């Protein structure tokens, strides 16, 4: 796993540097979180395309399984991308609620993600 660690806004962030990486199951999630934790980060920034496409289809349950691990290990996550192409009301509501709570955020850029994850 190619992870870069940075400090912004007084927090330590892990950023998946490998553009080909895809977070698609619970085991990969746990391995990634443990790797980030070992490097001193408790916040992970991913690009939208680094999440399996089924993550954004809430009926599959993948988002719930993955995000449960973030909760269990007390991690925060920022997902960077353009989510306007998703038409599911449930997904739009999920993204809105997530952004309000501030533990998992969906934004257009890394700077906004860092601010919301404060």
PDB file of N, CA and C in Angstrom:
ATOM      1  N   UNK A   1       0.839  -1.185   0.000  1.00  0.00           N
ATOM      2  CA  UNK A   1       0.000   0.000   0.000  1.00  0.00           C
ATOM      3  C   UNK A   1       0.875   1.237   0.000  1.00  0.00           C
ATOM      4  N   UNK A   2       0.621   2.114  -0.923  1.00  0.00           N
ATOM      5  CA  UNK A   2       1.399   3.336  -1.058  1.00  0.00           C
ATOM      6  C   UNK A   2       0.621   4.478  -0.403  1.00  0.00           C
ATOM      7  N   UNK A   3       1.012   4.808   0.815  1.00  0.00           N
ATOM      8  CA  UNK A   3       0.308   5.814   1.617  1.00  0.00           C
ATOM      9  C   UNK A   3       1.252   6.959   1.930  1.00  0.00           C
ATOM     10  N   UNK A   4       0.778   8.188   1.719  1.00  0.00           N
ATOM     11  CA  UNK A   4       1.566   9.351   2.125  1.00  0.00           C
ATOM     12  C   UNK A   4       0.901   9.977   3.342  1.00  0.00           C
ATOM     13  N   UNK A   5       1.715  10.433   4.259  1.00  0.00           N
ATOM     14  CA  UNK A   5       1.237  11.033   5.498  1.00  0.00           C
ATOM     15  C   UNK A   5       1.560  12.521   5.458  1.00  0.00           C
ATOM     16  N   UNK A   6       0.551  13.356   5.750  1.00  0.00           N
ATOM     17  CA  UNK A   6       0.752  14.805   5.775  1.00  0.00           C
ATOM     18  C   UNK A   6       0.093  15.385   7.010  1.00  0.00           C
ATOM     19  N   UNK A   7       0.511  16.580   7.343  1.00  0.00           N
ATOM     20  CA  UNK A   7      -0.095  17.305   8.452  1.00  0.00           C
ATOM     21  C   UNK A   7      -0.732  18.566   7.900  1.00  0.00           C
ATOM     22  N   UNK A   8      -2.024  18.729   8.158  1.00  0.00           N
ATOM     23  CA  UNK A   8      -2.777  19.922   7.770  1.00  0.00           C
ATOM     24  C   UNK A   8      -3.703  20.283   8.916  1.00  0.00           C
ATOM     25  N   UNK A   9      -3.831  21.565   9.147  1.00  0.00           N
ATOM     26  CA  UNK A   9      -4.777  22.049  10.149  1.00  0.00           C
ATOM     27  C   UNK A   9      -4.565  21.360  11.504  1.00  0.00           C
ATOM     28  N   UNK A  10      -3.318  21.034  11.828  1.00  0.00           N
ATOM     29  CA  UNK A  10      -3.007  20.418  13.106  1.00  0.00           C
ATOM     30  C   UNK A  10      -3.380  18.953  13.220  1.00  0.00           C
ATOM     31  N   UNK A  11      -3.719  18.307  12.120  1.00  0.00           N
ATOM     32  CA  UNK A  11      -4.116  16.893  12.114  1.00  0.00           C
ATOM     33  C   UNK A  11      -3.178  16.108  11.200  1.00  0.00           C
ATOM     34  N   UNK A  12      -3.064  14.816  11.463  1.00  0.00           N
ATOM     35  CA  UNK A  12      -2.257  13.935  10.628  1.00  0.00           C
ATOM     36  C   UNK A  12      -3.176  13.137   9.718  1.00  0.00           C
ATOM     37  N   UNK A  13      -2.961  13.276   8.422  1.00  0.00           N
ATOM     38  CA  UNK A  13      -3.805  12.653   7.408  1.00  0.00           C
ATOM     39  C   UNK A  13      -3.019  11.610   6.631  1.00  0.00           C
ATOM     40  N   UNK A  14      -3.695  10.531   6.303  1.00  0.00           N
ATOM     41  CA  UNK A  14      -3.146   9.536   5.382  1.00  0.00           C
ATOM     42  C   UNK A  14      -3.853   9.719   4.049  1.00  0.00           C
ATOM     43  N   UNK A  15      -3.080   9.643   2.997  1.00  0.00           N
ATOM     44  CA  UNK A  15      -3.630   9.794   1.652  1.00  0.00           C
ATOM     45  C   UNK A  15      -3.142   8.624   0.813  1.00  0.00           C
ATOM     46  N   UNK A  16      -4.064   7.871   0.240  1.00  0.00           N
ATOM     47  CA  UNK A  16      -3.680   6.747  -0.595  1.00  0.00           C
ATOM     48  C   UNK A  16      -3.085   7.297  -1.886  1.00  0.00           C
ATOM     49  N   UNK A  17      -1.808   7.050  -2.080  1.00  0.00           N
ATOM     50  CA  UNK A  17      -1.098   7.593  -3.241  1.00  0.00           C
ATOM     51  C   UNK A  17      -1.264   6.742  -4.486  1.00  0.00           C
ATOM     52  N   UNK A  18      -1.574   5.483  -4.317  1.00  0.00           N
ATOM     53  CA  UNK A  18      -1.696   4.546  -5.430  1.00  0.00           C
ATOM     54  C   UNK A  18      -3.032   4.764  -6.132  1.00  0.00           C
ATOM     55  N   UNK A  19      -2.991   5.336  -7.338  1.00  0.00           N
ATOM     56  CA  UNK A  19      -4.227   5.624  -8.076  1.00  0.00           C
ATOM     57  C   UNK A  19      -4.985   4.353  -8.445  1.00  0.00           C
ATOM     58  N   UNK A  20      -4.289   3.221  -8.523  1.00  0.00           N
ATOM     59  CA  UNK A  20      -4.939   1.960  -8.882  1.00  0.00           C
ATOM     60  C   UNK A  20      -5.573   1.267  -7.681  1.00  0.00           C
ATOM     61  N   UNK A  21      -5.302   1.767  -6.469  1.00  0.00           N
ATOM     62  CA  UNK A  21      -5.868   1.160  -5.266  1.00  0.00           C
ATOM     63  C   UNK A  21      -7.378   1.279  -5.279  1.00  0.00           C
ATOM     64  N   UNK A  22      -8.057   0.232  -4.793  1.00  0.00           N
ATOM     65  CA  UNK A  22      -9.511   0.289  -4.682  1.00  0.00           C
ATOM     66  C   UNK A  22      -9.938  -0.355  -3.356  1.00  0.00           C
ATOM     67  N   UNK A  23     -10.616   0.416  -2.533  1.00  0.00           N
ATOM     68  CA  UNK A  23     -11.158  -0.077  -1.265  1.00  0.00           C
ATOM     69  C   UNK A  23     -12.488  -0.737  -1.570  1.00  0.00           C
ATOM     70  N   UNK A  24     -12.542  -2.058  -1.426  1.00  0.00           N
ATOM     71  CA  UNK A  24     -13.743  -2.759  -1.869  1.00  0.00           C
ATOM     72  C   UNK A  24     -14.284  -3.788  -0.892  1.00  0.00           C
ATOM     73  N   UNK A  25     -13.584  -4.024   0.207  1.00  0.00           N
ATOM     74  CA  UNK A  25     -14.110  -5.011   1.156  1.00  0.00           C
ATOM     75  C   UNK A  25     -13.599  -4.707   2.559  1.00  0.00           C
ATOM     76  N   UNK A  26     -14.148  -5.437   3.518  1.00  0.00           N
ATOM     77  CA  UNK A  26     -13.838  -5.194   4.924  1.00  0.00           C
ATOM     78  C   UNK A  26     -12.378  -5.512   5.235  1.00  0.00           C
ATOM     79  N   UNK A  27     -11.869  -6.616   4.705  1.00  0.00           N
ATOM     80  CA  UNK A  27     -10.485  -7.003   4.994  1.00  0.00           C
ATOM     81  C   UNK A  27      -9.498  -5.942   4.517  1.00  0.00           C
ATOM     82  N   UNK A  28      -9.680  -5.441   3.320  1.00  0.00           N
ATOM     83  CA  UNK A  28      -8.806  -4.388   2.795  1.00  0.00           C
ATOM     84  C   UNK A  28      -8.931  -3.131   3.650  1.00  0.00           C
ATOM     85  N   UNK A  29     -10.134  -2.841   4.103  1.00  0.00           N
ATOM     86  CA  UNK A  29     -10.358  -1.672   4.953  1.00  0.00           C
ATOM     87  C   UNK A  29      -9.579  -1.781   6.252  1.00  0.00           C
ATOM     88  N   UNK A  30      -9.673  -2.926   6.908  1.00  0.00           N
ATOM     89  CA  UNK A  30      -8.967  -3.127   8.181  1.00  0.00           C
ATOM     90  C   UNK A  30      -7.457  -3.021   7.972  1.00  0.00           C
ATOM     91  N   UNK A  31      -6.939  -3.648   6.923  1.00  0.00           N
ATOM     92  CA  UNK A  31      -5.503  -3.571   6.639  1.00  0.00           C
ATOM     93  C   UNK A  31      -5.062  -2.125   6.395  1.00  0.00           C
ATOM     94  N   UNK A  32      -5.860  -1.400   5.638  1.00  0.00           N
ATOM     95  CA  UNK A  32      -5.534  -0.005   5.349  1.00  0.00           C
ATOM     96  C   UNK A  32      -5.564   0.837   6.621  1.00  0.00           C
ATOM     97  N   UNK A  33      -6.582   0.675   7.432  1.00  0.00           N
ATOM     98  CA  UNK A  33      -6.688   1.461   8.665  1.00  0.00           C
ATOM     99  C   UNK A  33      -5.543   1.148   9.620  1.00  0.00           C
ATOM    100  N   UNK A  34      -5.170  -0.109   9.718  1.00  0.00           N
ATOM    101  CA  UNK A  34      -4.060  -0.479  10.594  1.00  0.00           C
ATOM    102  C   UNK A  34      -2.740   0.115  10.077  1.00  0.00           C
ATOM    103  N   UNK A  35      -2.561   0.102   8.779  1.00  0.00           N
ATOM    104  CA  UNK A  35      -1.366   0.683   8.179  1.00  0.00           C
ATOM    105  C   UNK A  35      -1.314   2.185   8.455  1.00  0.00           C
ATOM    106  N   UNK A  36      -2.435   2.859   8.280  1.00  0.00           N
ATOM    107  CA  UNK A  36      -2.498   4.306   8.549  1.00  0.00           C
ATOM    108  C   UNK A  36      -2.236   4.597  10.020  1.00  0.00           C
ATOM    109  N   UNK A  37      -2.852   3.820  10.883  1.00  0.00           N
ATOM    110  CA  UNK A  37      -2.685   4.002  12.321  1.00  0.00           C
ATOM    111  C   UNK A  37      -1.224   3.816  12.728  1.00  0.00           C
ATOM    112  N   UNK A  38      -0.582   2.802  12.171  1.00  0.00           N
ATOM    113  CA  UNK A  38       0.827   2.539  12.454  1.00  0.00           C
ATOM    114  C   UNK A  38       1.692   3.745  12.086  1.00  0.00           C
ATOM    115  N   UNK A  39       1.275   4.478  11.059  1.00  0.00           N
ATOM    116  CA  UNK A  39       2.025   5.650  10.613  1.00  0.00           C
ATOM    117  C   UNK A  39       1.577   6.937  11.316  1.00  0.00           C
ATOM    118  N   UNK A  40       0.672   6.810  12.282  1.00  0.00           N
ATOM    119  CA  UNK A  40       0.294   7.949  13.111  1.00  0.00           C
ATOM    120  C   UNK A  40      -0.925   8.736  12.655  1.00  0.00           C
ATOM    121  N   UNK A  41      -1.655   8.224  11.663  1.00  0.00           N
ATOM    122  CA  UNK A  41      -2.823   8.948  11.149  1.00  0.00           C
ATOM    123  C   UNK A  41      -4.115   8.304  11.645  1.00  0.00           C
ATOM    124  N   UNK A  42      -5.111   9.132  11.854  1.00  0.00           N
ATOM    125  CA  UNK A  42      -6.452   8.616  12.160  1.00  0.00           C
ATOM    126  C   UNK A  42      -7.502   9.248  11.245  1.00  0.00           C
ATOM    127  N   UNK A  43      -7.010   9.855  10.173  1.00  0.00           N
ATOM    128  CA  UNK A  43      -7.868  10.421   9.134  1.00  0.00           C
ATOM    129  C   UNK A  43      -7.333   9.941   7.785  1.00  0.00           C
ATOM    130  N   UNK A  44      -8.228   9.443   6.944  1.00  0.00           N
ATOM    131  CA  UNK A  44      -7.842   8.930   5.636  1.00  0.00           C
ATOM    132  C   UNK A  44      -8.547   9.728   4.550  1.00  0.00           C
ATOM    133  N   UNK A  45      -7.800  10.132   3.539  1.00  0.00           N
ATOM    134  CA  UNK A  45      -8.352  10.833   2.387  1.00  0.00           C
ATOM    135  C   UNK A  45      -8.236   9.902   1.179  1.00  0.00           C
ATOM    136  N   UNK A  46      -9.358   9.667   0.512  1.00  0.00           N
ATOM    137  CA  UNK A  46      -9.394   8.833  -0.683  1.00  0.00           C
ATOM    138  C   UNK A  46     -10.040   9.594  -1.825  1.00  0.00           C
ATOM    139  N   UNK A  47      -9.620   9.278  -3.037  1.00  0.00           N
ATOM    140  CA  UNK A  47     -10.324   9.779  -4.207  1.00  0.00           C
ATOM    141  C   UNK A  47     -11.550   8.909  -4.438  1.00  0.00           C
ATOM    142  N   UNK A  48     -12.569   9.485  -4.990  1.00  0.00           N
ATOM    143  CA  UNK A  48     -13.818   8.787  -5.274  1.00  0.00           C
ATOM    144  C   UNK A  48     -13.574   7.469  -6.015  1.00  0.00           C
ATOM    145  N   UNK A  49     -12.673   7.482  -6.984  1.00  0.00           N
ATOM    146  CA  UNK A  49     -12.421   6.282  -7.774  1.00  0.00           C
ATOM    147  C   UNK A  49     -11.624   5.220  -7.018  1.00  0.00           C
ATOM    148  N   UNK A  50     -11.182   5.528  -5.808  1.00  0.00           N
ATOM    149  CA  UNK A  50     -10.498   4.543  -4.982  1.00  0.00           C
ATOM    150  C   UNK A  50     -11.473   3.742  -4.122  1.00  0.00           C
ATOM    151  N   UNK A  51     -12.745   4.044  -4.246  1.00  0.00           N
ATOM    152  CA  UNK A  51     -13.803   3.254  -3.613  1.00  0.00           C
ATOM    153  C   UNK A  51     -14.484   2.428  -4.691  1.00  0.00           C
ATOM    154  N   UNK A  52     -14.772   1.193  -4.372  1.00  0.00           N
ATOM    155  CA  UNK A  52     -15.465   0.329  -5.331  1.00  0.00           C
ATOM    156  C   UNK A  52     -16.775   0.998  -5.737  1.00  0.00           C
ATOM    157  N   UNK A  53     -17.157   0.937  -7.017  1.00  0.00           N
ATOM    158  CA  UNK A  53     -18.407   1.579  -7.455  1.00  0.00           C
ATOM    159  C   UNK A  53     -19.639   1.123  -6.654  1.00  0.00           C
ATOM    160  N   UNK A  54     -19.632  -0.110  -6.172  1.00  0.00           N
ATOM    161  CA  UNK A  54     -20.763  -0.593  -5.369  1.00  0.00           C
ATOM    162  C   UNK A  54     -20.889   0.131  -4.035  1.00  0.00           C
ATOM    163  N   UNK A  55     -19.828   0.805  -3.602  1.00  0.00           N
ATOM    164  CA  UNK A  55     -19.897   1.602  -2.379  1.00  0.00           C
ATOM    165  C   UNK A  55     -21.017   2.632  -2.498  1.00  0.00           C
ATOM    166  N   UNK A  56     -21.179   3.175  -3.699  1.00  0.00           N
ATOM    167  CA  UNK A  56     -22.156   4.235  -3.922  1.00  0.00           C
ATOM    168  C   UNK A  56     -23.550   3.715  -4.259  1.00  0.00           C
ATOM    169  N   UNK A  57     -23.718   2.399  -4.267  1.00  0.00           N
ATOM    170  CA  UNK A  57     -25.031   1.768  -4.393  1.00  0.00           C
ATOM    171  C   UNK A  57     -25.363   1.227  -3.013  1.00  0.00           C
ATOM    172  N   UNK A  58     -26.083   2.013  -2.229  1.00  0.00           N
ATOM    173  CA  UNK A  58     -26.297   1.685  -0.819  1.00  0.00           C
ATOM    174  C   UNK A  58     -26.981   0.339  -0.616  1.00  0.00           C
ATOM    175  N   UNK A  59     -27.706  -0.144  -1.611  1.00  0.00           N
ATOM    176  CA  UNK A  59     -28.386  -1.433  -1.487  1.00  0.00           C
ATOM    177  C   UNK A  59     -27.410  -2.593  -1.337  1.00  0.00           C
ATOM    178  N   UNK A  60     -26.178  -2.431  -1.813  1.00  0.00           N
ATOM    179  CA  UNK A  60     -25.204  -3.525  -1.726  1.00  0.00           C
ATOM    180  C   UNK A  60     -24.715  -3.750  -0.300  1.00  0.00           C
ATOM    181  N   UNK A  61     -24.781  -2.728   0.541  1.00  0.00           N
ATOM    182  CA  UNK A  61     -24.317  -2.848   1.922  1.00  0.00           C
ATOM    183  C   UNK A  61     -22.822  -2.651   2.098  1.00  0.00           C
ATOM    184  N   UNK A  62     -22.091  -2.498   0.992  1.00  0.00           N
ATOM    185  CA  UNK A  62     -20.635  -2.344   1.094  1.00  0.00           C
ATOM    186  C   UNK A  62     -20.271  -1.078   1.867  1.00  0.00           C
ATOM    187  N   UNK A  63     -20.963   0.017   1.599  1.00  0.00           N
ATOM    188  CA  UNK A  63     -20.666   1.272   2.307  1.00  0.00           C
ATOM    189  C   UNK A  63     -20.838   1.082   3.816  1.00  0.00           C
ATOM    190  N   UNK A  64     -21.902   0.448   4.214  1.00  0.00           N
ATOM    191  CA  UNK A  64     -22.140   0.221   5.641  1.00  0.00           C
ATOM    192  C   UNK A  64     -21.068  -0.631   6.284  1.00  0.00           C
ATOM    193  N   UNK A  65     -20.655  -1.689   5.585  1.00  0.00           N
ATOM    194  CA  UNK A  65     -19.622  -2.579   6.126  1.00  0.00           C
ATOM    195  C   UNK A  65     -18.288  -1.847   6.275  1.00  0.00           C
ATOM    196  N   UNK A  66     -17.920  -1.096   5.248  1.00  0.00           N
ATOM    197  CA  UNK A  66     -16.652  -0.373   5.284  1.00  0.00           C
ATOM    198  C   UNK A  66     -16.691   0.733   6.336  1.00  0.00           C
ATOM    199  N   UNK A  67     -17.757   1.496   6.362  1.00  0.00           N
ATOM    200  CA  UNK A  67     -17.832   2.615   7.300  1.00  0.00           C
ATOM    201  C   UNK A  67     -17.942   2.142   8.743  1.00  0.00           C
ATOM    202  N   UNK A  68     -18.464   0.952   8.959  1.00  0.00           N
ATOM    203  CA  UNK A  68     -18.508   0.391  10.313  1.00  0.00           C
ATOM    204  C   UNK A  68     -17.085   0.211  10.847  1.00  0.00           C
ATOM    205  N   UNK A  69     -16.169  -0.192   9.983  1.00  0.00           N
ATOM    206  CA  UNK A  69     -14.772  -0.357  10.405  1.00  0.00           C
ATOM    207  C   UNK A  69     -14.145   0.994  10.746  1.00  0.00           C
ATOM    208  N   UNK A  70     -14.492   2.037  10.006  1.00  0.00           N
ATOM    209  CA  UNK A  70     -13.997   3.373  10.335  1.00  0.00           C
ATOM    210  C   UNK A  70     -14.487   3.781  11.718  1.00  0.00           C
ATOM    211  N   UNK A  71     -15.722   3.458  12.036  1.00  0.00           N
ATOM    212  CA  UNK A  71     -16.277   3.766  13.342  1.00  0.00           C
ATOM    213  C   UNK A  71     -15.605   2.929  14.435  1.00  0.00           C
ATOM    214  N   UNK A  72     -15.462   1.648  14.186  1.00  0.00           N
ATOM    215  CA  UNK A  72     -14.852   0.753  15.158  1.00  0.00           C
ATOM    216  C   UNK A  72     -13.438   1.193  15.524  1.00  0.00           C
ATOM    217  N   UNK A  73     -12.664   1.583  14.524  1.00  0.00           N
ATOM    218  CA  UNK A  73     -11.275   1.984  14.744  1.00  0.00           C
ATOM    219  C   UNK A  73     -11.117   3.487  14.947  1.00  0.00           C
ATOM    220  N   UNK A  74     -12.233   4.191  15.086  1.00  0.00           N
ATOM    221  CA  UNK A  74     -12.271   5.628  15.372  1.00  0.00           C
ATOM    222  C   UNK A  74     -11.467   6.450  14.366  1.00  0.00           C
ATOM    223  N   UNK A  75     -11.671   6.143  13.088  1.00  0.00           N
ATOM    224  CA  UNK A  75     -11.049   6.872  11.989  1.00  0.00           C
ATOM    225  C   UNK A  75     -12.072   7.806  11.363  1.00  0.00           C
ATOM    226  N   UNK A  76     -11.559   8.854  10.752  1.00  0.00           N
ATOM    227  CA  UNK A  76     -12.371   9.729   9.924  1.00  0.00           C
ATOM    228  C   UNK A  76     -11.935   9.524   8.476  1.00  0.00           C
ATOM    229  N   UNK A  77     -12.831   9.843   7.534  1.00  0.00           N
ATOM    230  CA  UNK A  77     -12.496   9.674   6.131  1.00  0.00           C
ATOM    231  C   UNK A  77     -13.060  10.822   5.314  1.00  0.00           C
ATOM    232  N   UNK A  78     -12.235  11.302   4.396  1.00  0.00           N
ATOM    233  CA  UNK A  78     -12.676  12.267   3.403  1.00  0.00           C
ATOM    234  C   UNK A  78     -12.621  11.617   2.036  1.00  0.00           C
ATOM    235  N   UNK A  79     -13.694  11.747   1.278  1.00  0.00           N
ATOM    236  CA  UNK A  79     -13.748  11.212  -0.078  1.00  0.00           C
ATOM    237  C   UNK A  79     -13.821  12.401  -1.027  1.00  0.00           C
ATOM    238  N   UNK A  80     -12.859  12.460  -1.938  1.00  0.00           N
ATOM    239  CA  UNK A  80     -12.733  13.586  -2.848  1.00  0.00           C
ATOM    240  C   UNK A  80     -13.278  13.187  -4.216  1.00  0.00           C
ATOM    241  N   UNK A  81     -14.217  13.994  -4.731  1.00  0.00           N
ATOM    242  CA  UNK A  81     -14.748  13.708  -6.055  1.00  0.00           C
ATOM    243  C   UNK A  81     -15.964  14.544  -6.375  1.00  0.00           C
ATOM    244  N   UNK A  82     -16.528  14.271  -7.523  1.00  0.00           N
ATOM    245  CA  UNK A  82     -17.748  14.938  -7.977  1.00  0.00           C
ATOM    246  C   UNK A  82     -18.883  13.928  -7.873  1.00  0.00           C
ATOM    247  N   UNK A  83     -19.776  14.141  -6.942  1.00  0.00           N
ATOM    248  CA  UNK A  83     -20.845  13.191  -6.662  1.00  0.00           C
ATOM    249  C   UNK A  83     -22.168  13.593  -7.309  1.00  0.00           C
ATOM    250  N   UNK A  84     -22.120  14.603  -8.155  1.00  0.00           N
ATOM    251  CA  UNK A  84     -23.341  15.119  -8.780  1.00  0.00           C
ATOM    252  C   UNK A  84     -23.957  14.145  -9.772  1.00  0.00           C
ATOM    253  N   UNK A  85     -23.186  13.188 -10.254  1.00  0.00           N
ATOM    254  CA  UNK A  85     -23.724  12.251 -11.245  1.00  0.00           C
ATOM    255  C   UNK A  85     -24.587  11.160 -10.615  1.00  0.00           C
ATOM    256  N   UNK A  86     -24.531  11.025  -9.311  1.00  0.00           N
ATOM    257  CA  UNK A  86     -25.354  10.020  -8.638  1.00  0.00           C
ATOM    258  C   UNK A  86     -26.767  10.570  -8.454  1.00  0.00           C
ATOM    259  N   UNK A  87     -27.741   9.794  -8.886  1.00  0.00           N
ATOM    260  CA  UNK A  87     -29.125  10.259  -8.866  1.00  0.00           C
ATOM    261  C   UNK A  87     -29.937   9.692  -7.706  1.00  0.00           C
ATOM    262  N   UNK A  88     -29.393   8.757  -6.978  1.00  0.00           N
ATOM    263  CA  UNK A  88     -30.112   8.127  -5.879  1.00  0.00           C
ATOM    264  C   UNK A  88     -30.371   9.133  -4.756  1.00  0.00           C
ATOM    265  N   UNK A  89     -31.627   9.302  -4.410  1.00  0.00           N
ATOM    266  CA  UNK A  89     -31.976  10.203  -3.311  1.00  0.00           C
ATOM    267  C   UNK A  89     -31.385   9.688  -2.006  1.00  0.00           C
ATOM    268  N   UNK A  90     -31.414   8.393  -1.818  1.00  0.00           N
ATOM    269  CA  UNK A  90     -30.860   7.807  -0.598  1.00  0.00           C
ATOM    270  C   UNK A  90     -29.364   8.119  -0.482  1.00  0.00           C
ATOM    271  N   UNK A  91     -28.641   8.023  -1.583  1.00  0.00           N
ATOM    272  CA  UNK A  91     -27.209   8.323  -1.552  1.00  0.00           C
ATOM    273  C   UNK A  91     -26.979   9.812  -1.315  1.00  0.00           C
ATOM    274  N   UNK A  92     -27.740  10.653  -1.978  1.00  0.00           N
ATOM    275  CA  UNK A  92     -27.586  12.101  -1.762  1.00  0.00           C
ATOM    276  C   UNK A  92     -27.869  12.453  -0.301  1.00  0.00           C
ATOM    277  N   UNK A  93     -28.901  11.837   0.286  1.00  0.00           N
ATOM    278  CA  UNK A  93     -29.216  12.062   1.701  1.00  0.00           C
ATOM    279  C   UNK A  93     -28.080  11.557   2.599  1.00  0.00           C
ATOM    280  N   UNK A  94     -27.541  10.396   2.249  1.00  0.00           N
ATOM    281  CA  UNK A  94     -26.434   9.816   3.007  1.00  0.00           C
ATOM    282  C   UNK A  94     -25.222  10.748   2.986  1.00  0.00           C
ATOM    283  N   UNK A  95     -24.880  11.265   1.823  1.00  0.00           N
ATOM    284  CA  UNK A  95     -23.748  12.180   1.698  1.00  0.00           C
ATOM    285  C   UNK A  95     -24.001  13.448   2.505  1.00  0.00           C
ATOM    286  N   UNK A  96     -25.199  13.990   2.410  1.00  0.00           N
ATOM    287  CA  UNK A  96     -25.541  15.202   3.167  1.00  0.00           C
ATOM    288  C   UNK A  96     -25.401  14.953   4.668  1.00  0.00           C
ATOM    289  N   UNK A  97     -25.987  13.876   5.163  1.00  0.00           N
ATOM    290  CA  UNK A  97     -25.937  13.569   6.593  1.00  0.00           C
ATOM    291  C   UNK A  97     -24.506  13.308   7.056  1.00  0.00           C
ATOM    292  N   UNK A  98     -23.738  12.595   6.236  1.00  0.00           N
ATOM    293  CA  UNK A  98     -22.345  12.330   6.582  1.00  0.00           C
ATOM    294  C   UNK A  98     -21.568  13.636   6.725  1.00  0.00           C
ATOM    295  N   UNK A  99     -21.766  14.541   5.796  1.00  0.00           N
ATOM    296  CA  UNK A  99     -21.063  15.820   5.846  1.00  0.00           C
ATOM    297  C   UNK A  99     -21.470  16.640   7.061  1.00  0.00           C
ATOM    298  N   UNK A 100     -22.710  16.510   7.494  1.00  0.00           N
ATOM    299  CA  UNK A 100     -23.169  17.230   8.675  1.00  0.00           C
ATOM    300  C   UNK A 100     -22.507  16.699   9.944  1.00  0.00           C
ATOM    301  N   UNK A 101     -22.313  15.382  10.007  1.00  0.00           N
ATOM    302  CA  UNK A 101     -21.726  14.764  11.200  1.00  0.00           C
ATOM    303  C   UNK A 101     -20.224  14.950  11.275  1.00  0.00           C
ATOM    304  N   UNK A 102     -19.564  15.023  10.121  1.00  0.00           N
ATOM    305  CA  UNK A 102     -18.154  15.350  10.100  1.00  0.00           C
ATOM    306  C   UNK A 102     -17.179  14.212  10.336  1.00  0.00           C
ATOM    307  N   UNK A 103     -17.626  12.977  10.402  1.00  0.00           N
ATOM    308  CA  UNK A 103     -16.694  11.841  10.543  1.00  0.00           C
ATOM    309  C   UNK A 103     -16.317  11.264   9.186  1.00  0.00           C
ATOM    310  N   UNK A 104     -17.261  11.241   8.273  1.00  0.00           N
ATOM    311  CA  UNK A 104     -17.057  10.817   6.897  1.00  0.00           C
ATOM    312  C   UNK A 104     -17.589  11.963   6.043  1.00  0.00           C
ATOM    313  N   UNK A 105     -16.735  12.529   5.200  1.00  0.00           N
ATOM    314  CA  UNK A 105     -17.175  13.662   4.392  1.00  0.00           C
ATOM    315  C   UNK A 105     -16.897  13.404   2.917  1.00  0.00           C
ATOM    316  N   UNK A 106     -17.737  13.977   2.081  1.00  0.00           N
ATOM    317  CA  UNK A 106     -17.640  13.865   0.630  1.00  0.00           C
ATOM    318  C   UNK A 106     -17.530  15.277   0.081  1.00  0.00           C
ATOM    319  N   UNK A 107     -16.389  15.603  -0.532  1.00  0.00           N
ATOM    320  CA  UNK A 107     -16.154  16.964  -0.999  1.00  0.00           C
ATOM    321  C   UNK A 107     -15.490  16.961  -2.371  1.00  0.00           C
ATOM    322  N   UNK A 108     -15.435  18.134  -2.973  1.00  0.00           N
ATOM    323  CA  UNK A 108     -14.806  18.281  -4.285  1.00  0.00           C
ATOM    324  C   UNK A 108     -13.289  18.311  -4.224  1.00  0.00           C
ATOM    325  N   UNK A 109     -12.721  18.704  -3.066  1.00  0.00           N
ATOM    326  CA  UNK A 109     -11.266  18.817  -2.997  1.00  0.00           C
ATOM    327  C   UNK A 109     -10.757  18.483  -1.597  1.00  0.00           C
ATOM    328  N   UNK A 110      -9.470  18.241  -1.535  1.00  0.00           N
ATOM    329  CA  UNK A 110      -8.835  17.828  -0.279  1.00  0.00           C
ATOM    330  C   UNK A 110      -8.885  18.927   0.778  1.00  0.00           C
ATOM    331  N   UNK A 111      -8.734  20.166   0.359  1.00  0.00           N
ATOM    332  CA  UNK A 111      -8.763  21.279   1.317  1.00  0.00           C
ATOM    333  C   UNK A 111     -10.094  21.327   2.062  1.00  0.00           C
ATOM    334  N   UNK A 112     -11.200  21.196   1.331  1.00  0.00           N
ATOM    335  CA  UNK A 112     -12.519  21.196   1.975  1.00  0.00           C
ATOM    336  C   UNK A 112     -12.675  20.000   2.905  1.00  0.00           C
ATOM    337  N   UNK A 113     -12.170  18.853   2.484  1.00  0.00           N
ATOM    338  CA  UNK A 113     -12.247  17.660   3.326  1.00  0.00           C
ATOM    339  C   UNK A 113     -11.504  17.890   4.643  1.00  0.00           C
ATOM    340  N   UNK A 114     -10.320  18.446   4.569  1.00  0.00           N
ATOM    341  CA  UNK A 114      -9.536  18.705   5.774  1.00  0.00           C
ATOM    342  C   UNK A 114     -10.265  19.654   6.720  1.00  0.00           C
ATOM    343  N   UNK A 115     -10.882  20.671   6.171  1.00  0.00           N
ATOM    344  CA  UNK A 115     -11.619  21.631   7.005  1.00  0.00           C
ATOM    345  C   UNK A 115     -12.821  20.962   7.673  1.00  0.00           C
ATOM    346  N   UNK A 116     -13.562  20.150   6.906  1.00  0.00           N
ATOM    347  CA  UNK A 116     -14.752  19.495   7.466  1.00  0.00           C
ATOM    348  C   UNK A 116     -14.398  18.417   8.475  1.00  0.00           C
ATOM    349  N   UNK A 117     -13.228  17.831   8.359  1.00  0.00           N
ATOM    350  CA  UNK A 117     -12.807  16.761   9.275  1.00  0.00           C
ATOM    351  C   UNK A 117     -12.112  17.297  10.495  1.00  0.00           C
ATOM    352  N   UNK A 118     -12.160  18.582  10.727  1.00  0.00           N
ATOM    353  CA  UNK A 118     -11.509  19.204  11.871  1.00  0.00           C
ATOM    354  C   UNK A 118     -12.112  18.700  13.163  1.00  0.00           C
TER     355      UNK A 118
END
